[in-house]
Structures are given as structure tokens and as C-alpha cells.
Amino acid sequence: MTRLKRASLVTQGLTLAARFAHAAPLEAPADRGRLLKAPQIAAELFHGTVSAAWVRRVVPGKLRLGHSTVCWYECDVLAWIAAQRA
């Protein structure tokens, strides 16, 4: 790497740091538990009484991580289950 390129990288880094220096610090996101896939929810939370396909169709709060990867936060699913029982 040439000396000029190195200098420009350092300059860019300083300007980025200065650019975000006034921003408020970010808070940590709330802990929503593990990310679970449909087969895990069916087995662990419903004790095998429902299928993974049923979980994908019925349980709200899906988080799409890709083309076919769908997950749910454990706490969200537990809260939904508790609301259904109430």
C-alpha cells in the first residue's frame, strides 16, 4: 500500500469518528431470548404436539433471515402462548 493511500485511509477514519462523535450512545437491545426455528418451537415449546408447518402458519412474529430461513424469538413465542391460554 502506498504512503498516499495509507494517509487517505487515516484521514477518512478520523472524519468518520468526528462525524459520529456527537451521536448519543446506543442502548443495548432488549433480551428477547434465543432465536428458534419452527422444528425447535414444535419440539421444545409445544412438546411435539404440533408440527413445524403448523408453527410456520400460525405463530406470529416471524423473523425472516433469508429466502427460506424463518425464526422466532423465544420470549415472543412464550408471550403469544400465554396470551392464547388467557
Protein backbone atom coordinates (compact mmCIF):
# COMPACT_ATOMS: atom_id res chain seq x y z
CA MET A 1 0.00 0.00 0.00
CA THR A 2 1.43 3.36 -0.90
CA ARG A 3 2.00 6.13 1.55
CA LEU A 4 -0.70 8.31 -0.07
CA LYS A 5 -3.35 5.58 0.22
CA ARG A 6 -2.47 4.97 3.87
CA ALA A 7 -2.77 8.68 4.64
CA SER A 8 -6.16 8.93 2.96
CA LEU A 9 -7.45 5.92 4.93
CA VAL A 10 -6.37 7.52 8.20
CA THR A 11 -7.99 10.79 7.18
CA GLN A 12 -11.22 9.02 6.28
CA GLY A 13 -11.23 7.21 9.63
CA LEU A 14 -10.78 10.45 11.53
CA THR A 15 -13.56 12.16 9.64
CA LEU A 16 -15.91 9.25 10.33
CA ALA A 17 -15.05 9.33 14.02
CA ALA A 18 -15.59 13.08 14.13
CA ARG A 19 -18.79 12.70 12.16
CA PHE A 20 -20.37 10.39 14.75
CA ALA A 21 -18.81 11.93 17.88
CA HIS A 22 -21.94 13.96 18.65
CA ALA A 23 -24.30 10.97 18.34
CA ALA A 24 -25.85 9.62 21.52
CA PRO A 25 -24.59 6.22 22.65
CA LEU A 26 -26.76 3.32 21.58
CA GLU A 27 -28.58 1.26 24.16
CA ALA A 28 -28.35 -2.50 24.09
CA PRO A 29 -31.43 -4.16 22.58
CA ALA A 30 -33.83 -5.91 24.92
CA ASP A 31 -33.09 -9.57 25.54
CA ARG A 32 -35.81 -11.50 23.71
CA GLY A 33 -34.31 -14.93 24.25
CA ARG A 34 -32.98 -17.42 21.75
CA LEU A 35 -33.78 -17.44 18.06
CA LEU A 36 -35.72 -20.63 17.41
CA LYS A 37 -36.67 -22.32 14.16
CA ALA A 38 -40.06 -23.94 13.62
CA PRO A 39 -38.96 -27.52 14.43
CA GLN A 40 -37.39 -26.33 17.70
CA ILE A 41 -40.58 -24.49 18.71
CA ALA A 42 -42.71 -27.52 17.89
CA ALA A 43 -40.45 -29.84 19.89
CA GLU A 44 -39.39 -27.68 22.84
CA LEU A 45 -42.31 -25.34 23.49
CA PHE A 46 -45.21 -27.47 22.26
CA HIS A 47 -43.61 -30.81 23.28
CA GLY A 48 -44.18 -32.30 19.83
CA THR A 49 -47.97 -31.82 19.83
CA VAL A 50 -47.85 -29.62 16.72
CA SER A 51 -45.84 -29.79 13.50
CA ALA A 52 -43.22 -27.36 12.24
CA ALA A 53 -45.55 -26.48 9.36
CA TRP A 54 -48.27 -25.51 11.87
CA VAL A 55 -45.79 -23.26 13.68
CA ARG A 56 -44.86 -21.52 10.41
CA ARG A 57 -48.54 -20.96 9.53
CA VAL A 58 -49.98 -19.95 12.91
CA VAL A 59 -47.38 -18.47 15.28
CA PRO A 60 -46.98 -14.69 14.75
CA GLY A 61 -43.79 -12.68 14.92
CA LYS A 62 -41.75 -14.40 12.23
CA LEU A 63 -38.29 -13.07 11.57
CA ARG A 64 -37.19 -13.82 8.00
CA LEU A 65 -33.44 -14.26 7.85
CA GLY A 66 -33.24 -15.30 4.23
CA HIS A 67 -35.14 -16.92 1.42
CA SER A 68 -36.30 -19.92 3.43
CA THR A 69 -34.94 -19.30 6.93
CA VAL A 70 -37.66 -18.22 9.35
CA CYS A 71 -37.07 -17.82 13.09
CA TRP A 72 -38.91 -16.56 16.14
CA TYR A 73 -37.65 -15.04 19.37
CA GLU A 74 -38.30 -17.42 22.26
CA CYS A 75 -39.80 -14.76 24.56
CA ASP A 76 -42.20 -13.59 21.84
CA VAL A 77 -43.48 -17.12 21.30
CA LEU A 78 -43.86 -17.74 25.03
CA ALA A 79 -45.79 -14.47 25.38
CA TRP A 80 -48.07 -15.48 22.49
CA ILE A 81 -48.69 -18.88 24.08
CA ALA A 82 -49.55 -17.23 27.41
CA ALA A 83 -51.95 -14.83 25.66
CA GLN A 84 -53.69 -17.75 23.93
CA ARG A 85 -54.18 -19.51 27.27
CA ALA A 86 -55.60 -16.41 28.98
